Amino acid sequence: ATTGPSWPLSGPKDAPVTIAEFGDLQCPACKAAQPTIEALIAAEPNVRFVFQNFPLEMHNWAAKGAAYADCVGQASNDAFWKFVAKTYEIQGDITAENADEKLTALADAVGLKGADIAVCASTPVPAAHVEASVALGKSVNVTGTPTLFINGRSIGNVSSVPLDTLKSLVEFAAKQK
């Protein structure tokens, strides 16, 4: 159960390998892992990639970031991936106090109407979607971010796994189908 109607996806629907990332937009380890994950996606075009919001309670604006990301993803799958990348780029500039302003500006920057995304983010719908992602993560023993699953196999502490190792794991998973 790594896909759902509201979860952002990239890659072909019939891909032999699905990678699910449980991530937190305020998590420094997620930011550090992002270039490796992006390189993996670029190197493996026949992989389906799913992002699951998993804001950690210790991060004071992560839940708000997840709500904005969910609303961006509802508006545009393509804008979602740009929003995540841009959020990681300026992660250190976002605080609990300026999160609405910064996240609204990021939504504008990815081609959406930031004010509409801000309104959406304040409604119960994205909170319910984020809660569902967190519940899914907890059900498969996610305790930290970023956590990747390659065809259901958990790969923890992704930020320390070399790209070649991840590519080998994807190739192995593809052969198991």
N, C-alpha and C. Protein backbone atom coordinates (compact mmCIF):
# COMPACT_ATOMS: atom_id res chain seq x y z
N ALA A 1 0.84 -1.20 0.00
CA ALA A 1 0.00 0.00 0.00
C ALA A 1 0.88 1.25 0.00
N THR A 2 1.67 1.41 -1.06
CA THR A 2 2.54 2.58 -1.13
C THR A 2 2.01 3.62 -2.10
N THR A 3 0.86 3.38 -2.69
CA THR A 3 0.31 4.38 -3.58
C THR A 3 -1.13 4.66 -3.19
N GLY A 4 -1.57 5.82 -3.52
CA GLY A 4 -2.94 6.22 -3.25
C GLY A 4 -3.29 7.34 -4.19
N PRO A 5 -4.55 7.71 -4.24
CA PRO A 5 -4.98 8.71 -5.20
C PRO A 5 -4.36 10.08 -4.97
N SER A 6 -3.96 10.39 -3.74
CA SER A 6 -3.49 11.74 -3.47
C SER A 6 -1.97 11.83 -3.33
N TRP A 7 -1.27 10.73 -3.46
CA TRP A 7 0.16 10.74 -3.21
C TRP A 7 0.92 10.99 -4.50
N PRO A 8 1.83 11.97 -4.48
CA PRO A 8 2.57 12.30 -5.69
C PRO A 8 3.41 11.12 -6.20
N LEU A 9 3.38 10.97 -7.53
CA LEU A 9 4.07 9.85 -8.18
C LEU A 9 4.91 10.37 -9.33
N SER A 10 5.98 9.66 -9.62
CA SER A 10 6.70 9.90 -10.86
C SER A 10 7.11 8.55 -11.41
N GLY A 11 7.32 8.50 -12.72
CA GLY A 11 7.71 7.24 -13.35
C GLY A 11 6.52 6.51 -13.93
N PRO A 12 6.81 5.46 -14.72
CA PRO A 12 5.74 4.72 -15.39
C PRO A 12 4.86 3.92 -14.43
N LYS A 13 3.56 3.88 -14.76
CA LYS A 13 2.60 3.15 -13.91
C LYS A 13 2.93 1.66 -13.81
N ASP A 14 3.49 1.09 -14.87
CA ASP A 14 3.76 -0.35 -14.89
C ASP A 14 5.22 -0.66 -14.56
N ALA A 15 5.89 0.23 -13.87
CA ALA A 15 7.30 0.04 -13.54
C ALA A 15 7.50 -1.24 -12.73
N PRO A 16 8.60 -1.97 -12.98
CA PRO A 16 8.87 -3.18 -12.22
C PRO A 16 9.31 -2.90 -10.78
N VAL A 17 9.73 -1.66 -10.53
CA VAL A 17 10.20 -1.29 -9.20
C VAL A 17 9.50 -0.02 -8.75
N THR A 18 9.02 -0.04 -7.51
CA THR A 18 8.44 1.15 -6.88
C THR A 18 9.29 1.51 -5.68
N ILE A 19 9.69 2.78 -5.64
CA ILE A 19 10.42 3.30 -4.49
C ILE A 19 9.49 4.27 -3.78
N ALA A 20 9.31 4.07 -2.49
CA ALA A 20 8.54 4.99 -1.67
C ALA A 20 9.49 5.65 -0.68
N GLU A 21 9.42 6.98 -0.61
CA GLU A 21 10.22 7.72 0.35
C GLU A 21 9.30 8.31 1.40
N PHE A 22 9.62 8.06 2.66
CA PHE A 22 8.95 8.75 3.76
C PHE A 22 9.89 9.88 4.14
N GLY A 23 9.44 11.12 3.91
CA GLY A 23 10.31 12.27 4.12
C GLY A 23 9.65 13.38 4.91
N ASP A 24 10.49 14.26 5.42
CA ASP A 24 10.10 15.40 6.25
C ASP A 24 10.81 16.61 5.66
N LEU A 25 10.05 17.61 5.25
CA LEU A 25 10.64 18.77 4.56
C LEU A 25 11.54 19.62 5.46
N GLN A 26 11.46 19.44 6.77
CA GLN A 26 12.31 20.18 7.69
C GLN A 26 13.53 19.36 8.13
N CYS A 27 13.62 18.13 7.68
CA CYS A 27 14.66 17.21 8.13
C CYS A 27 15.97 17.45 7.38
N PRO A 28 17.05 17.79 8.10
CA PRO A 28 18.34 18.00 7.44
C PRO A 28 18.86 16.73 6.73
N ALA A 29 18.61 15.56 7.28
CA ALA A 29 19.05 14.32 6.63
C ALA A 29 18.29 14.10 5.31
N CYS A 30 17.02 14.49 5.27
CA CYS A 30 16.24 14.38 4.03
C CYS A 30 16.82 15.32 2.97
N LYS A 31 17.15 16.54 3.39
CA LYS A 31 17.77 17.50 2.47
C LYS A 31 19.09 16.94 1.95
N ALA A 32 19.89 16.35 2.83
CA ALA A 32 21.18 15.78 2.44
C ALA A 32 21.01 14.62 1.47
N ALA A 33 19.95 13.84 1.63
CA ALA A 33 19.72 12.67 0.79
C ALA A 33 19.10 13.03 -0.56
N GLN A 34 18.50 14.21 -0.66
CA GLN A 34 17.76 14.58 -1.86
C GLN A 34 18.57 14.48 -3.15
N PRO A 35 19.82 14.97 -3.19
CA PRO A 35 20.57 14.83 -4.45
C PRO A 35 20.78 13.37 -4.86
N THR A 36 21.00 12.49 -3.90
CA THR A 36 21.18 11.07 -4.21
C THR A 36 19.88 10.48 -4.73
N ILE A 37 18.76 10.84 -4.08
CA ILE A 37 17.46 10.31 -4.51
C ILE A 37 17.13 10.83 -5.92
N GLU A 38 17.38 12.12 -6.17
CA GLU A 38 17.13 12.67 -7.51
C GLU A 38 18.01 12.00 -8.56
N ALA A 39 19.28 11.73 -8.21
CA ALA A 39 20.18 11.05 -9.14
C ALA A 39 19.70 9.62 -9.41
N LEU A 40 19.19 8.96 -8.39
CA LEU A 40 18.66 7.60 -8.55
C LEU A 40 17.46 7.61 -9.50
N ILE A 41 16.56 8.56 -9.31
CA ILE A 41 15.38 8.66 -10.17
C ILE A 41 15.80 8.94 -11.62
N ALA A 42 16.78 9.82 -11.79
CA ALA A 42 17.26 10.15 -13.14
C ALA A 42 17.94 8.94 -13.80
N ALA A 43 18.65 8.15 -13.00
CA ALA A 43 19.39 7.00 -13.53
C ALA A 43 18.50 5.79 -13.79
N GLU A 44 17.33 5.77 -13.17
CA GLU A 44 16.43 4.62 -13.27
C GLU A 44 15.06 5.07 -13.79
N PRO A 45 14.94 5.35 -15.09
CA PRO A 45 13.68 5.89 -15.62
C PRO A 45 12.51 4.90 -15.55
N ASN A 46 12.78 3.62 -15.38
CA ASN A 46 11.71 2.64 -15.29
C ASN A 46 11.33 2.32 -13.86
N VAL A 47 11.50 3.30 -12.97
CA VAL A 47 11.14 3.15 -11.57
C VAL A 47 9.99 4.10 -11.25
N ARG A 48 9.05 3.61 -10.50
CA ARG A 48 7.93 4.43 -10.00
C ARG A 48 8.38 4.97 -8.66
N PHE A 49 8.24 6.28 -8.44
CA PHE A 49 8.66 6.90 -7.19
C PHE A 49 7.45 7.55 -6.52
N VAL A 50 7.29 7.28 -5.24
CA VAL A 50 6.17 7.80 -4.45
C VAL A 50 6.75 8.54 -3.25
N PHE A 51 6.24 9.73 -2.99
CA PHE A 51 6.67 10.48 -1.81
C PHE A 51 5.57 10.44 -0.76
N GLN A 52 5.94 10.09 0.47
CA GLN A 52 5.01 10.07 1.59
C GLN A 52 5.46 11.12 2.60
N ASN A 53 4.60 12.07 2.92
CA ASN A 53 4.92 13.03 3.97
C ASN A 53 5.00 12.32 5.31
N PHE A 54 6.08 12.54 6.03
CA PHE A 54 6.26 11.94 7.35
C PHE A 54 6.91 12.99 8.26
N PRO A 55 6.15 14.07 8.57
CA PRO A 55 6.72 15.12 9.41
C PRO A 55 6.99 14.61 10.81
N LEU A 56 8.20 14.85 11.28
CA LEU A 56 8.58 14.41 12.62
C LEU A 56 8.11 15.44 13.65
N GLU A 57 7.64 14.95 14.79
CA GLU A 57 7.09 15.83 15.81
C GLU A 57 8.10 16.84 16.33
N MET A 58 9.38 16.50 16.31
CA MET A 58 10.41 17.41 16.83
C MET A 58 10.65 18.62 15.94
N HIS A 59 10.13 18.60 14.72
CA HIS A 59 10.32 19.71 13.79
C HIS A 59 9.11 20.64 13.83
N ASN A 60 9.36 21.92 14.14
CA ASN A 60 8.26 22.82 14.45
C ASN A 60 7.47 23.37 13.26
N TRP A 61 7.94 23.21 12.04
CA TRP A 61 7.13 23.61 10.88
C TRP A 61 6.94 22.47 9.88
N ALA A 62 7.38 21.29 10.20
CA ALA A 62 7.30 20.16 9.26
C ALA A 62 5.87 19.78 8.91
N ALA A 63 4.97 19.78 9.88
CA ALA A 63 3.57 19.42 9.59
C ALA A 63 2.94 20.45 8.66
N LYS A 64 3.25 21.73 8.88
CA LYS A 64 2.74 22.78 8.00
C LYS A 64 3.33 22.60 6.60
N GLY A 65 4.62 22.31 6.51
CA GLY A 65 5.24 22.06 5.22
C GLY A 65 4.60 20.89 4.50
N ALA A 66 4.28 19.85 5.25
CA ALA A 66 3.62 18.67 4.66
C ALA A 66 2.24 19.03 4.14
N ALA A 67 1.50 19.87 4.87
CA ALA A 67 0.17 20.29 4.42
C ALA A 67 0.28 21.10 3.12
N TYR A 68 1.24 22.03 3.08
CA TYR A 68 1.45 22.80 1.84
C TYR A 68 1.83 21.85 0.70
N ALA A 69 2.76 20.93 0.95
CA ALA A 69 3.19 19.99 -0.08
C ALA A 69 2.01 19.17 -0.59
N ASP A 70 1.15 18.74 0.32
CA ASP A 70 -0.03 17.96 -0.09
C ASP A 70 -0.92 18.79 -1.00
N CYS A 71 -1.15 20.05 -0.64
CA CYS A 71 -1.99 20.91 -1.47
C CYS A 71 -1.36 21.18 -2.82
N VAL A 72 -0.05 21.39 -2.85
CA VAL A 72 0.66 21.58 -4.12
C VAL A 72 0.50 20.32 -4.96
N GLY A 73 0.67 19.14 -4.35
CA GLY A 73 0.52 17.88 -5.07
C GLY A 73 -0.88 17.66 -5.61
N GLN A 74 -1.89 18.12 -4.86
CA GLN A 74 -3.28 18.01 -5.35
C GLN A 74 -3.48 18.89 -6.58
N ALA A 75 -2.81 20.05 -6.59
CA ALA A 75 -2.96 20.99 -7.71
C ALA A 75 -2.18 20.56 -8.94
N SER A 76 -0.97 20.02 -8.72
CA SER A 76 -0.10 19.66 -9.85
C SER A 76 0.99 18.69 -9.40
N ASN A 77 1.00 17.51 -9.99
CA ASN A 77 2.02 16.52 -9.66
C ASN A 77 3.41 17.07 -10.00
N ASP A 78 3.56 17.73 -11.15
CA ASP A 78 4.86 18.28 -11.55
C ASP A 78 5.32 19.37 -10.58
N ALA A 79 4.39 20.24 -10.18
CA ALA A 79 4.74 21.32 -9.25
C ALA A 79 5.17 20.74 -7.90
N PHE A 80 4.60 19.61 -7.52
CA PHE A 80 4.95 19.01 -6.23
C PHE A 80 6.45 18.74 -6.14
N TRP A 81 7.01 18.10 -7.17
CA TRP A 81 8.43 17.73 -7.14
C TRP A 81 9.32 18.98 -7.09
N LYS A 82 8.91 20.03 -7.81
CA LYS A 82 9.65 21.29 -7.77
C LYS A 82 9.54 21.93 -6.38
N PHE A 83 8.35 21.85 -5.78
CA PHE A 83 8.12 22.43 -4.45
C PHE A 83 9.00 21.74 -3.41
N VAL A 84 9.07 20.42 -3.45
CA VAL A 84 9.91 19.68 -2.51
C VAL A 84 11.37 20.10 -2.66
N ALA A 85 11.86 20.13 -3.91
CA ALA A 85 13.25 20.51 -4.15
C ALA A 85 13.54 21.92 -3.65
N LYS A 86 12.64 22.86 -3.94
CA LYS A 86 12.84 24.25 -3.53
C LYS A 86 12.74 24.40 -2.00
N THR A 87 11.87 23.61 -1.37
CA THR A 87 11.76 23.67 0.09
C THR A 87 13.07 23.21 0.72
N TYR A 88 13.64 22.13 0.20
CA TYR A 88 14.92 21.68 0.72
C TYR A 88 16.01 22.73 0.49
N GLU A 89 15.97 23.40 -0.68
CA GLU A 89 16.98 24.43 -0.99
C GLU A 89 17.01 25.53 0.07
N ILE A 90 15.83 25.97 0.52
CA ILE A 90 15.78 27.09 1.47
C ILE A 90 15.40 26.64 2.88
N GLN A 91 15.51 25.35 3.13
CA GLN A 91 15.10 24.79 4.42
C GLN A 91 15.62 25.59 5.61
N GLY A 92 16.88 25.99 5.59
CA GLY A 92 17.49 26.70 6.71
C GLY A 92 16.93 28.09 6.93
N ASP A 93 16.24 28.65 5.92
CA ASP A 93 15.65 29.99 6.05
C ASP A 93 14.22 29.95 6.57
N ILE A 94 13.63 28.76 6.64
CA ILE A 94 12.23 28.65 7.07
C ILE A 94 12.20 28.42 8.58
N THR A 95 11.34 29.17 9.25
CA THR A 95 11.13 29.01 10.70
C THR A 95 9.64 28.81 10.94
N ALA A 96 9.30 28.41 12.15
CA ALA A 96 7.88 28.27 12.50
C ALA A 96 7.16 29.61 12.30
N GLU A 97 7.87 30.70 12.57
CA GLU A 97 7.26 32.02 12.48
C GLU A 97 7.03 32.49 11.04
N ASN A 98 7.91 32.12 10.11
CA ASN A 98 7.76 32.60 8.72
C ASN A 98 7.33 31.51 7.75
N ALA A 99 6.98 30.34 8.26
CA ALA A 99 6.68 29.19 7.38
C ALA A 99 5.57 29.50 6.38
N ASP A 100 4.48 30.12 6.84
CA ASP A 100 3.38 30.42 5.90
C ASP A 100 3.87 31.32 4.77
N GLU A 101 4.60 32.36 5.10
CA GLU A 101 5.11 33.30 4.11
C GLU A 101 6.05 32.59 3.12
N LYS A 102 7.01 31.83 3.65
CA LYS A 102 7.99 31.16 2.79
C LYS A 102 7.35 30.07 1.93
N LEU A 103 6.46 29.26 2.51
CA LEU A 103 5.84 28.17 1.77
C LEU A 103 4.87 28.70 0.71
N THR A 104 4.18 29.80 1.03
CA THR A 104 3.31 30.43 0.04
C THR A 104 4.13 30.94 -1.14
N ALA A 105 5.27 31.58 -0.85
CA ALA A 105 6.15 32.08 -1.91
C ALA A 105 6.69 30.92 -2.75
N LEU A 106 7.01 29.81 -2.12
CA LEU A 106 7.49 28.64 -2.87
C LEU A 106 6.40 28.10 -3.80
N ALA A 107 5.16 28.09 -3.33
CA ALA A 107 4.05 27.64 -4.18
C ALA A 107 3.93 28.56 -5.39
N ASP A 108 4.06 29.86 -5.18
CA ASP A 108 4.07 30.81 -6.30
C ASP A 108 5.23 30.48 -7.25
N ALA A 109 6.41 30.21 -6.69
CA ALA A 109 7.62 29.97 -7.48
C ALA A 109 7.52 28.73 -8.36
N VAL A 110 6.68 27.78 -7.98
CA VAL A 110 6.54 26.56 -8.80
C VAL A 110 5.34 26.66 -9.76
N GLY A 111 4.80 27.89 -9.88
CA GLY A 111 3.78 28.12 -10.89
C GLY A 111 2.34 28.01 -10.42
N LEU A 112 2.13 27.94 -9.12
CA LEU A 112 0.77 27.87 -8.60
C LEU A 112 0.43 29.20 -7.92
N LYS A 113 -0.83 29.36 -7.55
CA LYS A 113 -1.23 30.57 -6.83
C LYS A 113 -1.03 30.28 -5.34
N GLY A 114 0.06 30.85 -4.80
CA GLY A 114 0.43 30.58 -3.41
C GLY A 114 -0.67 30.85 -2.41
N ALA A 115 -1.45 31.91 -2.64
CA ALA A 115 -2.53 32.24 -1.70
C ALA A 115 -3.57 31.11 -1.65
N ASP A 116 -3.86 30.51 -2.81
CA ASP A 116 -4.81 29.38 -2.83
C ASP A 116 -4.24 28.17 -2.10
N ILE A 117 -2.94 27.93 -2.28
CA ILE A 117 -2.29 26.81 -1.60
C ILE A 117 -2.31 27.04 -0.08
N ALA A 118 -2.08 28.28 0.34
CA ALA A 118 -2.11 28.60 1.77
C ALA A 118 -3.49 28.34 2.37
N VAL A 119 -4.53 28.72 1.64
CA VAL A 119 -5.90 28.46 2.12
C VAL A 119 -6.13 26.96 2.23
N CYS A 120 -5.75 26.23 1.19
CA CYS A 120 -5.89 24.77 1.20
C CYS A 120 -5.16 24.16 2.40
N ALA A 121 -3.93 24.62 2.64
CA ALA A 121 -3.10 24.04 3.71
C ALA A 121 -3.71 24.23 5.09
N SER A 122 -4.60 25.21 5.23
CA SER A 122 -5.21 25.47 6.54
C SER A 122 -6.50 24.68 6.75
N THR A 123 -6.88 23.86 5.79
CA THR A 123 -8.11 23.07 5.90
C THR A 123 -7.80 21.67 6.44
N PRO A 124 -8.82 20.94 6.85
CA PRO A 124 -8.58 19.58 7.39
C PRO A 124 -8.13 18.55 6.36
N VAL A 125 -8.36 18.80 5.07
CA VAL A 125 -8.08 17.78 4.05
C VAL A 125 -6.60 17.41 4.00
N PRO A 126 -5.67 18.38 3.83
CA PRO A 126 -4.26 17.96 3.79
C PRO A 126 -3.79 17.34 5.10
N ALA A 127 -4.32 17.83 6.21
CA ALA A 127 -3.94 17.23 7.51
C ALA A 127 -4.34 15.76 7.54
N ALA A 128 -5.50 15.44 7.00
CA ALA A 128 -5.94 14.04 6.96
C ALA A 128 -5.04 13.21 6.05
N HIS A 129 -4.65 13.78 4.92
CA HIS A 129 -3.75 13.07 4.00
C HIS A 129 -2.40 12.81 4.67
N VAL A 130 -1.87 13.83 5.36
CA VAL A 130 -0.58 13.68 6.04
C VAL A 130 -0.70 12.64 7.15
N GLU A 131 -1.80 12.69 7.91
CA GLU A 131 -2.01 11.69 8.97
C GLU A 131 -2.04 10.28 8.37
N ALA A 132 -2.65 10.12 7.20
CA ALA A 132 -2.70 8.80 6.55
C ALA A 132 -1.30 8.35 6.15
N SER A 133 -0.47 9.26 5.65
CA SER A 133 0.91 8.91 5.28
C SER A 133 1.72 8.52 6.51
N VAL A 134 1.55 9.29 7.60
CA VAL A 134 2.26 8.98 8.84
C VAL A 134 1.80 7.62 9.38
N ALA A 135 0.50 7.38 9.36
CA ALA A 135 -0.02 6.09 9.84
C ALA A 135 0.52 4.94 9.00
N LEU A 136 0.58 5.14 7.67
CA LEU A 136 1.15 4.11 6.80
C LEU A 136 2.60 3.86 7.17
N GLY A 137 3.36 4.94 7.35
CA GLY A 137 4.77 4.79 7.73
C GLY A 137 4.94 4.04 9.03
N LYS A 138 4.15 4.41 10.02
CA LYS A 138 4.25 3.73 11.32
C LYS A 138 3.88 2.26 11.19
N SER A 139 2.93 1.96 10.28
CA SER A 139 2.50 0.56 10.12
C SER A 139 3.60 -0.32 9.52
N VAL A 140 4.57 0.32 8.87
CA VAL A 140 5.70 -0.44 8.30
C VAL A 140 7.00 -0.08 9.01
N ASN A 141 6.85 0.37 10.25
CA ASN A 141 7.98 0.60 11.17
C ASN A 141 8.92 1.74 10.78
N VAL A 142 8.41 2.76 10.10
CA VAL A 142 9.22 3.94 9.85
C VAL A 142 9.34 4.70 11.17
N THR A 143 10.56 4.98 11.56
CA THR A 143 10.79 5.72 12.81
C THR A 143 11.58 7.00 12.57
N GLY A 144 12.15 7.16 11.40
CA GLY A 144 12.93 8.35 11.08
C GLY A 144 12.90 8.61 9.60
N THR A 145 13.42 9.78 9.23
CA THR A 145 13.43 10.16 7.83
C THR A 145 14.84 10.54 7.41
N PRO A 146 15.19 10.34 6.15
CA PRO A 146 14.37 9.71 5.12
C PRO A 146 14.46 8.18 5.20
N THR A 147 13.36 7.54 4.98
CA THR A 147 13.33 6.08 4.86
C THR A 147 12.79 5.75 3.47
N LEU A 148 13.51 4.93 2.75
CA LEU A 148 13.07 4.47 1.44
C LEU A 148 12.62 3.02 1.54
N PHE A 149 11.66 2.69 0.70
CA PHE A 149 11.27 1.30 0.50
C PHE A 149 11.43 1.02 -0.98
N ILE A 150 12.18 -0.03 -1.31
CA ILE A 150 12.34 -0.45 -2.70
C ILE A 150 11.58 -1.76 -2.85
N ASN A 151 10.45 -1.68 -3.58
CA ASN A 151 9.53 -2.82 -3.68
C ASN A 151 9.24 -3.43 -2.31
N GLY A 152 9.00 -2.57 -1.35
CA GLY A 152 8.60 -3.02 -0.02
C GLY A 152 9.72 -3.31 0.95
N ARG A 153 10.97 -3.28 0.48
CA ARG A 153 12.11 -3.53 1.38
C ARG A 153 12.64 -2.21 1.91
N SER A 154 12.69 -2.10 3.22
CA SER A 154 13.10 -0.85 3.86
C SER A 154 14.61 -0.62 3.73
N ILE A 155 14.95 0.62 3.36
CA ILE A 155 16.34 1.06 3.31
C ILE A 155 16.40 2.29 4.21
N GLY A 156 16.91 2.13 5.41
CA GLY A 156 16.96 3.25 6.35
C GLY A 156 18.21 4.07 6.16
N ASN A 157 18.25 5.23 6.75
CA ASN A 157 19.41 6.14 6.72
C ASN A 157 19.97 6.29 5.31
N VAL A 158 19.10 6.66 4.39
CA VAL A 158 19.44 6.76 2.98
C VAL A 158 20.58 7.75 2.73
N SER A 159 20.69 8.75 3.57
CA SER A 159 21.70 9.78 3.32
C SER A 159 23.12 9.22 3.34
N SER A 160 23.31 8.04 3.92
CA SER A 160 24.66 7.46 3.97
C SER A 160 24.85 6.30 2.99
N VAL A 161 23.83 6.02 2.16
CA VAL A 161 23.93 4.92 1.20
C VAL A 161 24.39 5.48 -0.15
N PRO A 162 25.51 4.98 -0.68
CA PRO A 162 26.01 5.47 -1.97
C PRO A 162 25.01 5.19 -3.11
N LEU A 163 25.00 6.08 -4.10
CA LEU A 163 24.11 5.95 -5.24
C LEU A 163 24.27 4.60 -5.93
N ASP A 164 25.51 4.13 -6.12
CA ASP A 164 25.73 2.84 -6.78
C ASP A 164 25.07 1.70 -6.03
N THR A 165 25.08 1.78 -4.71
CA THR A 165 24.43 0.74 -3.89
C THR A 165 22.93 0.78 -4.10
N LEU A 166 22.36 1.98 -4.10
CA LEU A 166 20.91 2.10 -4.33
C LEU A 166 20.53 1.59 -5.71
N LYS A 167 21.35 1.92 -6.73
CA LYS A 167 21.08 1.43 -8.08
C LYS A 167 21.13 -0.11 -8.11
N SER A 168 22.08 -0.70 -7.41
CA SER A 168 22.18 -2.17 -7.34
C SER A 168 20.94 -2.77 -6.68
N LEU A 169 20.44 -2.09 -5.63
CA LEU A 169 19.23 -2.57 -4.95
C LEU A 169 18.02 -2.49 -5.88
N VAL A 170 17.93 -1.42 -6.68
CA VAL A 170 16.83 -1.30 -7.63
C VAL A 170 16.94 -2.39 -8.68
N GLU A 171 18.12 -2.63 -9.22
CA GLU A 171 18.30 -3.68 -10.23
C GLU A 171 17.96 -5.05 -9.66
N PHE A 172 18.35 -5.31 -8.43
CA PHE A 172 18.03 -6.58 -7.78
C PHE A 172 16.51 -6.71 -7.65
N ALA A 173 15.84 -5.64 -7.19
CA ALA A 173 14.39 -5.69 -7.03
C ALA A 173 13.69 -5.95 -8.35
N ALA A 174 14.19 -5.35 -9.43
CA ALA A 174 13.57 -5.54 -10.76
C ALA A 174 13.65 -6.99 -11.20
N LYS A 175 14.72 -7.67 -10.83
CA LYS A 175 14.89 -9.08 -11.23
C LYS A 175 14.02 -10.01 -10.39
N GLN A 176 13.51 -9.55 -9.26
CA GLN A 176 12.69 -10.39 -8.39
C GLN A 176 11.24 -10.47 -8.85
N LYS A 177 10.85 -9.63 -9.78
CA LYS A 177 9.46 -9.59 -10.24
C LYS A 177 9.07 -10.83 -11.00
